[in-house]
């Protein structure tokens, strides 16, 4: 907690670098403003995180279709939260199976 003020001044990428240095192995990146919005993900940020930091990355917030999942897979994201897209039938279980996600 003594470093909380210092951490709050960092951008997400630099904050994750600090977390990685102190032993974190995984992170969950959610754009809470996009949860349930189906507006897509910040793929640029996620790709940068995967390229620059040795963490398992799980992403959520804004996933709108199977193409989003394929992009996440392409950049090496380790998992995704897709509840809203499943609930709204924008992604089907058969699609997930046919592309090897489940």
PDB file of N, CA and C in Angstrom:
ATOM      1  N   UNK A   1       0.807  -1.201   0.000  1.00  0.00           N
ATOM      2  CA  UNK A   1       0.000   0.000   0.000  1.00  0.00           C
ATOM      3  C   UNK A   1       0.848   1.262   0.000  1.00  0.00           C
ATOM      4  N   UNK A   2       2.073   1.163   0.477  1.00  0.00           N
ATOM      5  CA  UNK A   2       2.924   2.341   0.501  1.00  0.00           C
ATOM      6  C   UNK A   2       3.259   2.814  -0.900  1.00  0.00           C
ATOM      7  N   UNK A   3       3.160   1.923  -1.886  1.00  0.00           N
ATOM      8  CA  UNK A   3       3.465   2.293  -3.276  1.00  0.00           C
ATOM      9  C   UNK A   3       2.202   2.591  -4.078  1.00  0.00           C
ATOM     10  N   UNK A   4       1.037   2.570  -3.439  1.00  0.00           N
ATOM     11  CA  UNK A   4      -0.216   2.754  -4.155  1.00  0.00           C
ATOM     12  C   UNK A   4      -0.255   4.074  -4.911  1.00  0.00           C
ATOM     13  N   UNK A   5       0.181   5.143  -4.291  1.00  0.00           N
ATOM     14  CA  UNK A   5       0.169   6.449  -4.951  1.00  0.00           C
ATOM     15  C   UNK A   5       1.094   6.435  -6.171  1.00  0.00           C
ATOM     16  N   UNK A   6       2.245   5.809  -6.007  1.00  0.00           N
ATOM     17  CA  UNK A   6       3.188   5.700  -7.118  1.00  0.00           C
ATOM     18  C   UNK A   6       2.581   4.892  -8.271  1.00  0.00           C
ATOM     19  N   UNK A   7       1.953   3.770  -7.965  1.00  0.00           N
ATOM     20  CA  UNK A   7       1.348   2.924  -8.991  1.00  0.00           C
ATOM     21  C   UNK A   7       0.202   3.623  -9.707  1.00  0.00           C
ATOM     22  N   UNK A   8      -0.568   4.402  -8.982  1.00  0.00           N
ATOM     23  CA  UNK A   8      -1.726   5.053  -9.596  1.00  0.00           C
ATOM     24  C   UNK A   8      -1.321   6.094 -10.632  1.00  0.00           C
ATOM     25  N   UNK A   9      -0.065   6.522 -10.616  1.00  0.00           N
ATOM     26  CA  UNK A   9       0.385   7.506 -11.602  1.00  0.00           C
ATOM     27  C   UNK A   9       0.931   6.841 -12.866  1.00  0.00           C
ATOM     28  N   UNK A  10       1.031   5.522 -12.872  1.00  0.00           N
ATOM     29  CA  UNK A  10       1.573   4.809 -14.024  1.00  0.00           C
ATOM     30  C   UNK A  10       0.492   4.473 -15.041  1.00  0.00           C
ATOM     31  N   UNK A  11       0.885   4.383 -16.312  1.00  0.00           N
ATOM     32  CA  UNK A  11      -0.051   3.884 -17.318  1.00  0.00           C
ATOM     33  C   UNK A  11      -0.158   2.365 -17.136  1.00  0.00           C
ATOM     34  N   UNK A  12      -1.160   1.734 -17.720  1.00  0.00           N
ATOM     35  CA  UNK A  12      -1.368   0.293 -17.491  1.00  0.00           C
ATOM     36  C   UNK A  12      -0.148  -0.564 -17.834  1.00  0.00           C
ATOM     37  N   UNK A  13       0.541  -0.260 -18.918  1.00  0.00           N
ATOM     38  CA  UNK A  13       1.690  -1.055 -19.320  1.00  0.00           C
ATOM     39  C   UNK A  13       2.801  -0.987 -18.273  1.00  0.00           C
ATOM     40  N   UNK A  14       3.121   0.196 -17.817  1.00  0.00           N
ATOM     41  CA  UNK A  14       4.174   0.344 -16.812  1.00  0.00           C
ATOM     42  C   UNK A  14       3.774  -0.253 -15.465  1.00  0.00           C
ATOM     43  N   UNK A  15       2.512  -0.163 -15.142  1.00  0.00           N
ATOM     44  CA  UNK A  15       2.015  -0.775 -13.906  1.00  0.00           C
ATOM     45  C   UNK A  15       2.191  -2.297 -13.967  1.00  0.00           C
ATOM     46  N   UNK A  16       1.876  -2.895 -15.113  1.00  0.00           N
ATOM     47  CA  UNK A  16       2.047  -4.338 -15.264  1.00  0.00           C
ATOM     48  C   UNK A  16       3.515  -4.741 -15.214  1.00  0.00           C
ATOM     49  N   UNK A  17       4.403  -3.885 -15.698  1.00  0.00           N
ATOM     50  CA  UNK A  17       5.837  -4.164 -15.610  1.00  0.00           C
ATOM     51  C   UNK A  17       6.266  -4.252 -14.143  1.00  0.00           C
ATOM     52  N   UNK A  18       5.748  -3.344 -13.316  1.00  0.00           N
ATOM     53  CA  UNK A  18       6.048  -3.383 -11.877  1.00  0.00           C
ATOM     54  C   UNK A  18       5.506  -4.676 -11.273  1.00  0.00           C
ATOM     55  N   UNK A  19       4.268  -5.011 -11.586  1.00  0.00           N
ATOM     56  CA  UNK A  19       3.670  -6.230 -11.048  1.00  0.00           C
ATOM     57  C   UNK A  19       4.467  -7.471 -11.460  1.00  0.00           C
ATOM     58  N   UNK A  20       4.919  -7.509 -12.702  1.00  0.00           N
ATOM     59  CA  UNK A  20       5.711  -8.636 -13.184  1.00  0.00           C
ATOM     60  C   UNK A  20       7.025  -8.750 -12.402  1.00  0.00           C
ATOM     61  N   UNK A  21       7.655  -7.616 -12.146  1.00  0.00           N
ATOM     62  CA  UNK A  21       8.928  -7.617 -11.409  1.00  0.00           C
ATOM     63  C   UNK A  21       8.774  -8.130  -9.977  1.00  0.00           C
ATOM     64  N   UNK A  22       7.593  -7.936  -9.388  1.00  0.00           N
ATOM     65  CA  UNK A  22       7.409  -8.389  -8.005  1.00  0.00           C
ATOM     66  C   UNK A  22       6.793  -9.795  -7.929  1.00  0.00           C
ATOM     67  N   UNK A  23       6.675 -10.451  -9.090  1.00  0.00           N
ATOM     68  CA  UNK A  23       6.293 -11.849  -9.071  1.00  0.00           C
ATOM     69  C   UNK A  23       4.940 -12.227  -9.637  1.00  0.00           C
ATOM     70  N   UNK A  24       4.149 -11.267 -10.109  1.00  0.00           N
ATOM     71  CA  UNK A  24       2.872 -11.626 -10.722  1.00  0.00           C
ATOM     72  C   UNK A  24       3.139 -12.472 -11.964  1.00  0.00           C
ATOM     73  N   UNK A  25       2.296 -13.454 -12.210  1.00  0.00           N
ATOM     74  CA  UNK A  25       2.439 -14.345 -13.363  1.00  0.00           C
ATOM     75  C   UNK A  25       1.308 -14.184 -14.371  1.00  0.00           C
ATOM     76  N   UNK A  26       0.176 -13.632 -13.920  1.00  0.00           N
ATOM     77  CA  UNK A  26      -1.013 -13.501 -14.772  1.00  0.00           C
ATOM     78  C   UNK A  26      -1.661 -12.152 -14.528  1.00  0.00           C
ATOM     79  N   UNK A  27      -2.417 -11.703 -15.546  1.00  0.00           N
ATOM     80  CA  UNK A  27      -3.191 -10.476 -15.360  1.00  0.00           C
ATOM     81  C   UNK A  27      -4.500 -10.570 -16.146  1.00  0.00           C
ATOM     82  N   UNK A  28      -5.466  -9.846 -15.684  1.00  0.00           N
ATOM     83  CA  UNK A  28      -6.764  -9.748 -16.341  1.00  0.00           C
ATOM     84  C   UNK A  28      -6.937  -8.298 -16.762  1.00  0.00           C
ATOM     85  N   UNK A  29      -7.045  -8.078 -18.058  1.00  0.00           N
ATOM     86  CA  UNK A  29      -7.189  -6.731 -18.603  1.00  0.00           C
ATOM     87  C   UNK A  29      -8.638  -6.560 -19.059  1.00  0.00           C
ATOM     88  N   UNK A  30      -9.355  -5.688 -18.377  1.00  0.00           N
ATOM     89  CA  UNK A  30     -10.758  -5.425 -18.715  1.00  0.00           C
ATOM     90  C   UNK A  30     -10.953  -3.922 -18.892  1.00  0.00           C
ATOM     91  N   UNK A  31     -11.512  -3.554 -20.013  1.00  0.00           N
ATOM     92  CA  UNK A  31     -11.933  -2.169 -20.203  1.00  0.00           C
ATOM     93  C   UNK A  31     -13.377  -2.103 -19.701  1.00  0.00           C
ATOM     94  N   UNK A  32     -13.537  -1.710 -18.442  1.00  0.00           N
ATOM     95  CA  UNK A  32     -14.866  -1.768 -17.823  1.00  0.00           C
ATOM     96  C   UNK A  32     -15.884  -0.885 -18.545  1.00  0.00           C
ATOM     97  N   UNK A  33     -15.423   0.146 -19.212  1.00  0.00           N
ATOM     98  CA  UNK A  33     -16.347   0.999 -19.964  1.00  0.00           C
ATOM     99  C   UNK A  33     -16.934   0.267 -21.165  1.00  0.00           C
ATOM    100  N   UNK A  34     -16.273  -0.801 -21.597  1.00  0.00           N
ATOM    101  CA  UNK A  34     -16.747  -1.540 -22.769  1.00  0.00           C
ATOM    102  C   UNK A  34     -17.475  -2.841 -22.433  1.00  0.00           C
ATOM    103  N   UNK A  35     -17.511  -3.216 -21.170  1.00  0.00           N
ATOM    104  CA  UNK A  35     -18.179  -4.467 -20.795  1.00  0.00           C
ATOM    105  C   UNK A  35     -19.628  -4.418 -21.270  1.00  0.00           C
ATOM    106  N   UNK A  36     -20.011  -5.442 -22.029  1.00  0.00           N
ATOM    107  CA  UNK A  36     -21.375  -5.521 -22.545  1.00  0.00           C
ATOM    108  C   UNK A  36     -21.679  -4.586 -23.698  1.00  0.00           C
ATOM    109  N   UNK A  37     -20.682  -3.849 -24.191  1.00  0.00           N
ATOM    110  CA  UNK A  37     -20.914  -2.866 -25.256  1.00  0.00           C
ATOM    111  C   UNK A  37     -20.686  -3.419 -26.653  1.00  0.00           C
ATOM    112  N   UNK A  38     -19.906  -4.500 -26.751  1.00  0.00           N
ATOM    113  CA  UNK A  38     -19.567  -5.115 -28.038  1.00  0.00           C
ATOM    114  C   UNK A  38     -18.844  -4.139 -28.962  1.00  0.00           C
ATOM    115  N   UNK A  39     -18.021  -3.280 -28.391  1.00  0.00           N
ATOM    116  CA  UNK A  39     -17.286  -2.274 -29.177  1.00  0.00           C
ATOM    117  C   UNK A  39     -15.849  -2.686 -29.482  1.00  0.00           C
ATOM    118  N   UNK A  40     -15.488  -3.899 -29.148  1.00  0.00           N
ATOM    119  CA  UNK A  40     -14.136  -4.366 -29.434  1.00  0.00           C
ATOM    120  C   UNK A  40     -13.162  -4.052 -28.314  1.00  0.00           C
ATOM    121  N   UNK A  41     -11.970  -4.577 -28.471  1.00  0.00           N
ATOM    122  CA  UNK A  41     -10.922  -4.482 -27.456  1.00  0.00           C
ATOM    123  C   UNK A  41      -9.829  -3.522 -27.902  1.00  0.00           C
ATOM    124  N   UNK A  42      -8.995  -3.122 -26.957  1.00  0.00           N
ATOM    125  CA  UNK A  42      -7.816  -2.331 -27.282  1.00  0.00           C
ATOM    126  C   UNK A  42      -6.707  -3.313 -27.653  1.00  0.00           C
ATOM    127  N   UNK A  43      -6.734  -3.775 -28.887  1.00  0.00           N
ATOM    128  CA  UNK A  43      -5.782  -4.782 -29.339  1.00  0.00           C
ATOM    129  C   UNK A  43      -4.349  -4.256 -29.328  1.00  0.00           C
ATOM    130  N   UNK A  44      -4.186  -2.972 -29.563  1.00  0.00           N
ATOM    131  CA  UNK A  44      -2.842  -2.381 -29.544  1.00  0.00           C
ATOM    132  C   UNK A  44      -2.216  -2.529 -28.164  1.00  0.00           C
ATOM    133  N   UNK A  45      -2.971  -2.200 -27.117  1.00  0.00           N
ATOM    134  CA  UNK A  45      -2.465  -2.338 -25.753  1.00  0.00           C
ATOM    135  C   UNK A  45      -2.190  -3.797 -25.422  1.00  0.00           C
ATOM    136  N   UNK A  46      -3.114  -4.676 -25.754  1.00  0.00           N
ATOM    137  CA  UNK A  46      -2.945  -6.097 -25.437  1.00  0.00           C
ATOM    138  C   UNK A  46      -1.730  -6.681 -26.153  1.00  0.00           C
ATOM    139  N   UNK A  47      -1.531  -6.306 -27.394  1.00  0.00           N
ATOM    140  CA  UNK A  47      -0.374  -6.791 -28.145  1.00  0.00           C
ATOM    141  C   UNK A  47       0.926  -6.275 -27.528  1.00  0.00           C
ATOM    142  N   UNK A  48       0.922  -5.039 -27.105  1.00  0.00           N
ATOM    143  CA  UNK A  48       2.098  -4.454 -26.463  1.00  0.00           C
ATOM    144  C   UNK A  48       2.411  -5.171 -25.143  1.00  0.00           C
ATOM    145  N   UNK A  49       1.382  -5.457 -24.363  1.00  0.00           N
ATOM    146  CA  UNK A  49       1.573  -6.177 -23.102  1.00  0.00           C
ATOM    147  C   UNK A  49       2.194  -7.546 -23.376  1.00  0.00           C
ATOM    148  N   UNK A  50       1.644  -8.279 -24.346  1.00  0.00           N
ATOM    149  CA  UNK A  50       2.167  -9.613 -24.660  1.00  0.00           C
ATOM    150  C   UNK A  50       3.602  -9.544 -25.173  1.00  0.00           C
ATOM    151  N   UNK A  51       3.928  -8.509 -25.911  1.00  0.00           N
ATOM    152  CA  UNK A  51       5.265  -8.369 -26.489  1.00  0.00           C
ATOM    153  C   UNK A  51       6.305  -7.955 -25.446  1.00  0.00           C
ATOM    154  N   UNK A  52       5.915  -7.100 -24.504  1.00  0.00           N
ATOM    155  CA  UNK A  52       6.880  -6.484 -23.600  1.00  0.00           C
ATOM    156  C   UNK A  52       6.952  -7.084 -22.197  1.00  0.00           C
ATOM    157  N   UNK A  53       5.941  -7.858 -21.807  1.00  0.00           N
ATOM    158  CA  UNK A  53       5.890  -8.352 -20.431  1.00  0.00           C
ATOM    159  C   UNK A  53       5.613  -9.850 -20.437  1.00  0.00           C
ATOM    160  N   UNK A  54       6.325 -10.574 -19.597  1.00  0.00           N
ATOM    161  CA  UNK A  54       6.149 -12.014 -19.517  1.00  0.00           C
ATOM    162  C   UNK A  54       5.058 -12.356 -18.497  1.00  0.00           C
ATOM    163  N   UNK A  55       3.810 -12.159 -18.904  1.00  0.00           N
ATOM    164  CA  UNK A  55       2.650 -12.485 -18.080  1.00  0.00           C
ATOM    165  C   UNK A  55       1.643 -13.242 -18.937  1.00  0.00           C
ATOM    166  N   UNK A  56       0.889 -14.135 -18.292  1.00  0.00           N
ATOM    167  CA  UNK A  56      -0.294 -14.669 -18.966  1.00  0.00           C
ATOM    168  C   UNK A  56      -1.327 -13.555 -18.951  1.00  0.00           C
ATOM    169  N   UNK A  57      -1.977 -13.339 -20.082  1.00  0.00           N
ATOM    170  CA  UNK A  57      -2.928 -12.235 -20.206  1.00  0.00           C
ATOM    171  C   UNK A  57      -4.304 -12.782 -20.567  1.00  0.00           C
ATOM    172  N   UNK A  58      -5.288 -12.358 -19.786  1.00  0.00           N
ATOM    173  CA  UNK A  58      -6.690 -12.659 -20.048  1.00  0.00           C
ATOM    174  C   UNK A  58      -7.383 -11.330 -20.306  1.00  0.00           C
ATOM    175  N   UNK A  59      -8.249 -11.282 -21.312  1.00  0.00           N
ATOM    176  CA  UNK A  59      -8.844 -10.005 -21.721  1.00  0.00           C
ATOM    177  C   UNK A  59     -10.362 -10.077 -21.718  1.00  0.00           C
ATOM    178  N   UNK A  60     -10.977  -8.942 -21.482  1.00  0.00           N
ATOM    179  CA  UNK A  60     -12.430  -8.848 -21.522  1.00  0.00           C
ATOM    180  C   UNK A  60     -12.873  -7.405 -21.678  1.00  0.00           C
ATOM    181  N   UNK A  61     -14.144  -7.265 -21.947  1.00  0.00           N
ATOM    182  CA  UNK A  61     -14.709  -5.925 -22.110  1.00  0.00           C
ATOM    183  C   UNK A  61     -14.791  -5.541 -23.563  1.00  0.00           C
ATOM    184  N   UNK A  62     -15.937  -5.773 -24.182  1.00  0.00           N
ATOM    185  CA  UNK A  62     -16.149  -5.327 -25.551  1.00  0.00           C
ATOM    186  C   UNK A  62     -16.049  -6.390 -26.625  1.00  0.00           C
ATOM    187  N   UNK A  63     -15.760  -7.632 -26.253  1.00  0.00           N
ATOM    188  CA  UNK A  63     -15.650  -8.681 -27.273  1.00  0.00           C
ATOM    189  C   UNK A  63     -16.985  -8.822 -27.981  1.00  0.00           C
ATOM    190  N   UNK A  64     -16.938  -8.694 -29.313  1.00  0.00           N
ATOM    191  CA  UNK A  64     -18.188  -8.634 -30.072  1.00  0.00           C
ATOM    192  C   UNK A  64     -18.455  -9.828 -30.974  1.00  0.00           C
ATOM    193  N   UNK A  65     -17.389 -10.569 -31.338  1.00  0.00           N
ATOM    194  CA  UNK A  65     -17.610 -11.680 -32.252  1.00  0.00           C
ATOM    195  C   UNK A  65     -16.403 -12.611 -32.270  1.00  0.00           C
ATOM    196  N   UNK A  66     -16.506 -13.644 -33.077  1.00  0.00           N
ATOM    197  CA  UNK A  66     -15.447 -14.634 -33.199  1.00  0.00           C
ATOM    198  C   UNK A  66     -14.159 -14.009 -33.722  1.00  0.00           C
ATOM    199  N   UNK A  67     -14.270 -13.020 -34.594  1.00  0.00           N
ATOM    200  CA  UNK A  67     -13.063 -12.364 -35.121  1.00  0.00           C
ATOM    201  C   UNK A  67     -12.238 -11.733 -34.003  1.00  0.00           C
ATOM    202  N   UNK A  68     -12.895 -11.174 -32.985  1.00  0.00           N
ATOM    203  CA  UNK A  68     -12.163 -10.627 -31.840  1.00  0.00           C
ATOM    204  C   UNK A  68     -11.359 -11.722 -31.151  1.00  0.00           C
ATOM    205  N   UNK A  69     -11.967 -12.889 -30.978  1.00  0.00           N
ATOM    206  CA  UNK A  69     -11.262 -14.003 -30.338  1.00  0.00           C
ATOM    207  C   UNK A  69     -10.086 -14.473 -31.187  1.00  0.00           C
ATOM    208  N   UNK A  70     -10.276 -14.507 -32.490  1.00  0.00           N
ATOM    209  CA  UNK A  70      -9.181 -14.915 -33.371  1.00  0.00           C
ATOM    210  C   UNK A  70      -8.028 -13.914 -33.321  1.00  0.00           C
ATOM    211  N   UNK A  71      -8.349 -12.633 -33.226  1.00  0.00           N
ATOM    212  CA  UNK A  71      -7.305 -11.609 -33.084  1.00  0.00           C
ATOM    213  C   UNK A  71      -6.567 -11.765 -31.759  1.00  0.00           C
ATOM    214  N   UNK A  72      -7.311 -12.027 -30.694  1.00  0.00           N
ATOM    215  CA  UNK A  72      -6.675 -12.244 -29.390  1.00  0.00           C
ATOM    216  C   UNK A  72      -5.740 -13.451 -29.448  1.00  0.00           C
ATOM    217  N   UNK A  73      -6.182 -14.487 -30.098  1.00  0.00           N
ATOM    218  CA  UNK A  73      -5.348 -15.687 -30.246  1.00  0.00           C
ATOM    219  C   UNK A  73      -4.098 -15.355 -31.057  1.00  0.00           C
ATOM    220  N   UNK A  74      -4.265 -14.596 -32.133  1.00  0.00           N
ATOM    221  CA  UNK A  74      -3.143 -14.235 -33.006  1.00  0.00           C
ATOM    222  C   UNK A  74      -2.055 -13.481 -32.246  1.00  0.00           C
ATOM    223  N   UNK A  75      -2.456 -12.587 -31.344  1.00  0.00           N
ATOM    224  CA  UNK A  75      -1.455 -11.800 -30.621  1.00  0.00           C
ATOM    225  C   UNK A  75      -0.963 -12.491 -29.354  1.00  0.00           C
ATOM    226  N   UNK A  76      -1.521 -13.659 -29.057  1.00  0.00           N
ATOM    227  CA  UNK A  76      -1.007 -14.458 -27.952  1.00  0.00           C
ATOM    228  C   UNK A  76      -1.704 -14.290 -26.618  1.00  0.00           C
ATOM    229  N   UNK A  77      -2.870 -13.658 -26.610  1.00  0.00           N
ATOM    230  CA  UNK A  77      -3.635 -13.537 -25.365  1.00  0.00           C
ATOM    231  C   UNK A  77      -4.050 -14.941 -24.930  1.00  0.00           C
ATOM    232  N   UNK A  78      -3.960 -15.204 -23.639  1.00  0.00           N
ATOM    233  CA  UNK A  78      -4.141 -16.553 -23.109  1.00  0.00           C
ATOM    234  C   UNK A  78      -5.585 -16.950 -22.838  1.00  0.00           C
ATOM    235  N   UNK A  79      -6.487 -16.003 -22.754  1.00  0.00           N
ATOM    236  CA  UNK A  79      -7.886 -16.312 -22.510  1.00  0.00           C
ATOM    237  C   UNK A  79      -8.730 -15.063 -22.619  1.00  0.00           C
ATOM    238  N   UNK A  80     -10.042 -15.259 -22.687  1.00  0.00           N
ATOM    239  CA  UNK A  80     -10.946 -14.119 -22.873  1.00  0.00           C
ATOM    240  C   UNK A  80     -12.246 -14.344 -22.108  1.00  0.00           C
ATOM    241  N   UNK A  81     -12.822 -13.235 -21.667  1.00  0.00           N
ATOM    242  CA  UNK A  81     -14.130 -13.244 -21.018  1.00  0.00           C
ATOM    243  C   UNK A  81     -15.172 -12.908 -22.081  1.00  0.00           C
ATOM    244  N   UNK A  82     -16.088 -13.830 -22.309  1.00  0.00           N
ATOM    245  CA  UNK A  82     -17.025 -13.659 -23.428  1.00  0.00           C
ATOM    246  C   UNK A  82     -18.490 -13.829 -23.021  1.00  0.00           C
ATOM    247  N   UNK A  83     -18.795 -13.655 -21.755  1.00  0.00           N
ATOM    248  CA  UNK A  83     -20.152 -13.921 -21.265  1.00  0.00           C
ATOM    249  C   UNK A  83     -21.218 -13.130 -22.022  1.00  0.00           C
ATOM    250  N   UNK A  84     -21.009 -11.846 -22.203  1.00  0.00           N
ATOM    251  CA  UNK A  84     -22.023 -11.022 -22.882  1.00  0.00           C
ATOM    252  C   UNK A  84     -22.216 -11.470 -24.325  1.00  0.00           C
ATOM    253  N   UNK A  85     -21.118 -11.756 -25.023  1.00  0.00           N
ATOM    254  CA  UNK A  85     -21.215 -12.193 -26.418  1.00  0.00           C
ATOM    255  C   UNK A  85     -21.923 -13.547 -26.527  1.00  0.00           C
ATOM    256  N   UNK A  86     -21.700 -14.431 -25.558  1.00  0.00           N
ATOM    257  CA  UNK A  86     -22.415 -15.711 -25.556  1.00  0.00           C
ATOM    258  C   UNK A  86     -23.897 -15.499 -25.254  1.00  0.00           C
ATOM    259  N   UNK A  87     -24.164 -14.686 -24.257  1.00  0.00           N
ATOM    260  CA  UNK A  87     -25.548 -14.426 -23.853  1.00  0.00           C
ATOM    261  C   UNK A  87     -26.361 -13.828 -25.001  1.00  0.00           C
ATOM    262  N   UNK A  88     -25.746 -12.933 -25.744  1.00  0.00           N
ATOM    263  CA  UNK A  88     -26.438 -12.279 -26.870  1.00  0.00           C
ATOM    264  C   UNK A  88     -26.342 -13.078 -28.170  1.00  0.00           C
ATOM    265  N   UNK A  89     -25.731 -14.262 -28.069  1.00  0.00           N
ATOM    266  CA  UNK A  89     -25.582 -15.173 -29.211  1.00  0.00           C
ATOM    267  C   UNK A  89     -24.761 -14.574 -30.355  1.00  0.00           C
ATOM    268  N   UNK A  90     -23.798 -13.731 -30.008  1.00  0.00           N
ATOM    269  CA  UNK A  90     -22.881 -13.185 -31.005  1.00  0.00           C
ATOM    270  C   UNK A  90     -21.734 -14.156 -31.280  1.00  0.00           C
ATOM    271  N   UNK A  91     -21.502 -15.046 -30.330  1.00  0.00           N
ATOM    272  CA  UNK A  91     -20.534 -16.128 -30.458  1.00  0.00           C
ATOM    273  C   UNK A  91     -21.262 -17.403 -30.036  1.00  0.00           C
ATOM    274  N   UNK A  92     -21.102 -18.443 -30.830  1.00  0.00           N
ATOM    275  CA  UNK A  92     -21.783 -19.702 -30.498  1.00  0.00           C
ATOM    276  C   UNK A  92     -20.794 -20.734 -29.969  1.00  0.00           C
ATOM    277  N   UNK A  93     -21.314 -21.685 -29.221  1.00  0.00           N
ATOM    278  CA  UNK A  93     -20.477 -22.775 -28.725  1.00  0.00           C
ATOM    279  C   UNK A  93     -19.909 -23.596 -29.870  1.00  0.00           C
ATOM    280  N   UNK A  94     -20.694 -23.763 -30.933  1.00  0.00           N
ATOM    281  CA  UNK A  94     -20.187 -24.539 -32.074  1.00  0.00           C
ATOM    282  C   UNK A  94     -19.019 -23.816 -32.745  1.00  0.00           C
ATOM    283  N   UNK A  95     -19.072 -22.481 -32.827  1.00  0.00           N
ATOM    284  CA  UNK A  95     -17.933 -21.713 -33.368  1.00  0.00           C
ATOM    285  C   UNK A  95     -16.703 -21.895 -32.483  1.00  0.00           C
ATOM    286  N   UNK A  96     -16.909 -21.822 -31.177  1.00  0.00           N
ATOM    287  CA  UNK A  96     -15.790 -21.981 -30.243  1.00  0.00           C
ATOM    288  C   UNK A  96     -15.153 -23.363 -30.401  1.00  0.00           C
ATOM    289  N   UNK A  97     -15.989 -24.379 -30.569  1.00  0.00           N
ATOM    290  CA  UNK A  97     -15.473 -25.732 -30.771  1.00  0.00           C
ATOM    291  C   UNK A  97     -14.741 -25.857 -32.099  1.00  0.00           C
ATOM    292  N   UNK A  98     -15.336 -25.329 -33.161  1.00  0.00           N
ATOM    293  CA  UNK A  98     -14.735 -25.502 -34.486  1.00  0.00           C
ATOM    294  C   UNK A  98     -13.408 -24.781 -34.639  1.00  0.00           C
ATOM    295  N   UNK A  99     -13.183 -23.735 -33.860  1.00  0.00           N
ATOM    296  CA  UNK A  99     -11.900 -23.001 -33.907  1.00  0.00           C
ATOM    297  C   UNK A  99     -10.952 -23.423 -32.801  1.00  0.00           C
ATOM    298  N   UNK A 100     -11.307 -24.459 -32.039  1.00  0.00           N
ATOM    299  CA  UNK A 100     -10.409 -25.012 -31.046  1.00  0.00           C
ATOM    300  C   UNK A 100     -10.305 -24.239 -29.751  1.00  0.00           C
ATOM    301  N   UNK A 101     -11.277 -23.367 -29.475  1.00  0.00           N
ATOM    302  CA  UNK A 101     -11.251 -22.636 -28.217  1.00  0.00           C
ATOM    303  C   UNK A 101     -11.743 -23.478 -27.055  1.00  0.00           C
ATOM    304  N   UNK A 102     -12.623 -24.436 -27.352  1.00  0.00           N
ATOM    305  CA  UNK A 102     -13.093 -25.378 -26.310  1.00  0.00           C
ATOM    306  C   UNK A 102     -13.093 -26.780 -26.881  1.00  0.00           C
TER     307      UNK A 102
END
